[in-house]
Amino acid sequence: TLPKEAMGHNWVLLKPGTDLNAFAQASMTAKDAEYIAPAHKDKVVAFVKVLGPKQSGEVTFTVPAAGEYTYVCSFPGHYMLMKGTLVAK
């Protein structure tokens, strides 16, 4: 129930080989860009913008190739726990 500005969440799918720590650290201050640092936007396959309480989002995308893709919530402080791997075969 906290407002989006205090406890928002997004979903960002990264290209294979992306340095998660570098991406997340740079994105922490990119509030006006949905917490995706402009300098790292080329590392993003797809994303869902920052959402607040009772909001939902969806995205349709094509995975460029088979492989493992890291996904993360890049809202400040979330990436260490809110991450996973999408496996495309």
C-alpha atoms as a PDB file:
ATOM      1  CA  THR A   1       0.000   0.000   0.000  1.00  0.00           C
ATOM      2  CA  LEU A   2       3.005   2.309   0.024  1.00  0.00           C
ATOM      3  CA  PRO A   3       3.036   4.806  -2.841  1.00  0.00           C
ATOM      4  CA  LYS A   4       4.957   3.922  -5.978  1.00  0.00           C
ATOM      5  CA  GLU A   5       7.624   6.530  -5.191  1.00  0.00           C
ATOM      6  CA  ALA A   6       8.443   4.703  -1.936  1.00  0.00           C
ATOM      7  CA  MET A   7       7.990   1.055  -2.985  1.00  0.00           C
ATOM      8  CA  GLY A   8       7.566   0.689  -6.720  1.00  0.00           C
ATOM      9  CA  HIS A   9       8.522  -2.308  -8.799  1.00  0.00           C
ATOM     10  CA  ASN A  10       9.482  -2.785 -12.423  1.00  0.00           C
ATOM     11  CA  TRP A  11      10.622  -5.745 -14.494  1.00  0.00           C
ATOM     12  CA  VAL A  12      13.655  -5.473 -16.761  1.00  0.00           C
ATOM     13  CA  LEU A  13      14.950  -8.285 -18.997  1.00  0.00           C
ATOM     14  CA  LEU A  14      18.638  -7.875 -19.774  1.00  0.00           C
ATOM     15  CA  LYS A  15      20.730  -9.119 -22.654  1.00  0.00           C
ATOM     16  CA  PRO A  16      23.058 -12.053 -21.887  1.00  0.00           C
ATOM     17  CA  GLY A  17      26.431 -10.945 -20.567  1.00  0.00           C
ATOM     18  CA  THR A  18      25.121  -7.723 -19.018  1.00  0.00           C
ATOM     19  CA  ASP A  19      26.869  -6.812 -15.774  1.00  0.00           C
ATOM     20  CA  LEU A  20      23.879  -6.817 -13.387  1.00  0.00           C
ATOM     21  CA  ASN A  21      25.644  -4.821 -10.677  1.00  0.00           C
ATOM     22  CA  ALA A  22      26.776  -2.105 -13.082  1.00  0.00           C
ATOM     23  CA  PHE A  23      23.304  -1.898 -14.647  1.00  0.00           C
ATOM     24  CA  ALA A  24      21.516  -1.729 -11.289  1.00  0.00           C
ATOM     25  CA  GLN A  25      23.910   0.771  -9.742  1.00  0.00           C
ATOM     26  CA  ALA A  26      23.627   3.114 -12.709  1.00  0.00           C
ATOM     27  CA  SER A  27      19.846   2.716 -12.871  1.00  0.00           C
ATOM     28  CA  MET A  28      19.186   3.539  -9.209  1.00  0.00           C
ATOM     29  CA  THR A  29      19.158   7.258  -9.921  1.00  0.00           C
ATOM     30  CA  ALA A  30      17.296   7.120 -13.240  1.00  0.00           C
ATOM     31  CA  LYS A  31      13.841   7.806 -11.779  1.00  0.00           C
ATOM     32  CA  ASP A  32      12.700   9.788 -14.836  1.00  0.00           C
ATOM     33  CA  ALA A  33      13.637   6.858 -17.101  1.00  0.00           C
ATOM     34  CA  GLU A  34      11.742   4.138 -15.160  1.00  0.00           C
ATOM     35  CA  TYR A  35      14.983   3.307 -13.297  1.00  0.00           C
ATOM     36  CA  ILE A  36      16.765   2.268 -16.489  1.00  0.00           C
ATOM     37  CA  ALA A  37      19.946   4.291 -16.882  1.00  0.00           C
ATOM     38  CA  PRO A  38      20.059   5.849 -20.362  1.00  0.00           C
ATOM     39  CA  ALA A  39      23.694   4.753 -20.713  1.00  0.00           C
ATOM     40  CA  HIS A  40      22.597   1.117 -20.244  1.00  0.00           C
ATOM     41  CA  LYS A  41      19.349   1.124 -22.240  1.00  0.00           C
ATOM     42  CA  ASP A  42      21.081  -0.876 -25.000  1.00  0.00           C
ATOM     43  CA  LYS A  43      21.371  -3.772 -22.513  1.00  0.00           C
ATOM     44  CA  VAL A  44      17.567  -4.092 -22.182  1.00  0.00           C
ATOM     45  CA  VAL A  45      15.528  -6.634 -24.172  1.00  0.00           C
ATOM     46  CA  ALA A  46      12.155  -5.655 -22.661  1.00  0.00           C
ATOM     47  CA  PHE A  47      10.738  -3.974 -19.570  1.00  0.00           C
ATOM     48  CA  VAL A  48       7.606  -3.116 -17.644  1.00  0.00           C
ATOM     49  CA  LYS A  49       7.561   0.414 -16.236  1.00  0.00           C
ATOM     50  CA  VAL A  50       7.572   1.102 -12.500  1.00  0.00           C
ATOM     51  CA  LEU A  51       4.236   0.134 -10.955  1.00  0.00           C
ATOM     52  CA  GLY A  52       2.642   0.973  -7.636  1.00  0.00           C
ATOM     53  CA  PRO A  53      -0.031  -0.637  -5.441  1.00  0.00           C
ATOM     54  CA  LYS A  54      -2.803  -2.453  -7.294  1.00  0.00           C
ATOM     55  CA  GLN A  55      -1.271  -1.668 -10.692  1.00  0.00           C
ATOM     56  CA  SER A  56      -0.297  -4.292 -13.233  1.00  0.00           C
ATOM     57  CA  GLY A  57       1.676  -4.316 -16.433  1.00  0.00           C
ATOM     58  CA  GLU A  58       2.566  -6.578 -19.282  1.00  0.00           C
ATOM     59  CA  VAL A  59       4.983  -6.660 -22.136  1.00  0.00           C
ATOM     60  CA  THR A  60       5.225  -8.709 -25.323  1.00  0.00           C
ATOM     61  CA  PHE A  61       8.668  -9.340 -26.740  1.00  0.00           C
ATOM     62  CA  THR A  62      10.680 -11.712 -28.867  1.00  0.00           C
ATOM     63  CA  VAL A  63      13.795 -13.196 -27.322  1.00  0.00           C
ATOM     64  CA  PRO A  64      16.675 -12.511 -29.735  1.00  0.00           C
ATOM     65  CA  ALA A  65      18.282 -15.951 -29.378  1.00  0.00           C
ATOM     66  CA  ALA A  66      18.424 -19.048 -27.214  1.00  0.00           C
ATOM     67  CA  GLY A  67      20.231 -18.438 -23.957  1.00  0.00           C
ATOM     68  CA  GLU A  68      19.903 -17.246 -20.398  1.00  0.00           C
ATOM     69  CA  TYR A  69      18.533 -13.764 -19.755  1.00  0.00           C
ATOM     70  CA  THR A  70      18.638 -12.127 -16.338  1.00  0.00           C
ATOM     71  CA  TYR A  71      15.578 -10.208 -15.228  1.00  0.00           C
ATOM     72  CA  VAL A  72      15.521  -7.756 -12.356  1.00  0.00           C
ATOM     73  CA  CYS A  73      13.563  -5.095 -10.536  1.00  0.00           C
ATOM     74  CA  SER A  74      15.796  -2.040 -10.862  1.00  0.00           C
ATOM     75  CA  PHE A  75      13.902   0.113  -8.342  1.00  0.00           C
ATOM     76  CA  PRO A  76      16.530   1.334  -5.832  1.00  0.00           C
ATOM     77  CA  GLY A  77      17.593  -1.390  -3.424  1.00  0.00           C
ATOM     78  CA  HIS A  78      15.573  -4.206  -4.998  1.00  0.00           C
ATOM     79  CA  TYR A  79      17.947  -5.860  -7.464  1.00  0.00           C
ATOM     80  CA  MET A  80      19.830  -7.952  -4.909  1.00  0.00           C
ATOM     81  CA  LEU A  81      16.722 -10.001  -4.067  1.00  0.00           C
ATOM     82  CA  MET A  82      14.309  -9.379  -6.935  1.00  0.00           C
ATOM     83  CA  LYS A  83      16.011 -11.079  -9.853  1.00  0.00           C
ATOM     84  CA  GLY A  84      15.865 -14.287 -11.806  1.00  0.00           C
ATOM     85  CA  THR A  85      16.713 -15.997 -15.059  1.00  0.00           C
ATOM     86  CA  LEU A  86      14.603 -16.519 -18.162  1.00  0.00           C
ATOM     87  CA  VAL A  87      15.874 -19.545 -20.101  1.00  0.00           C
ATOM     88  CA  ALA A  88      15.120 -19.522 -23.836  1.00  0.00           C
ATOM     89  CA  LYS A  89      15.706 -22.755 -25.742  1.00  0.00           C
END
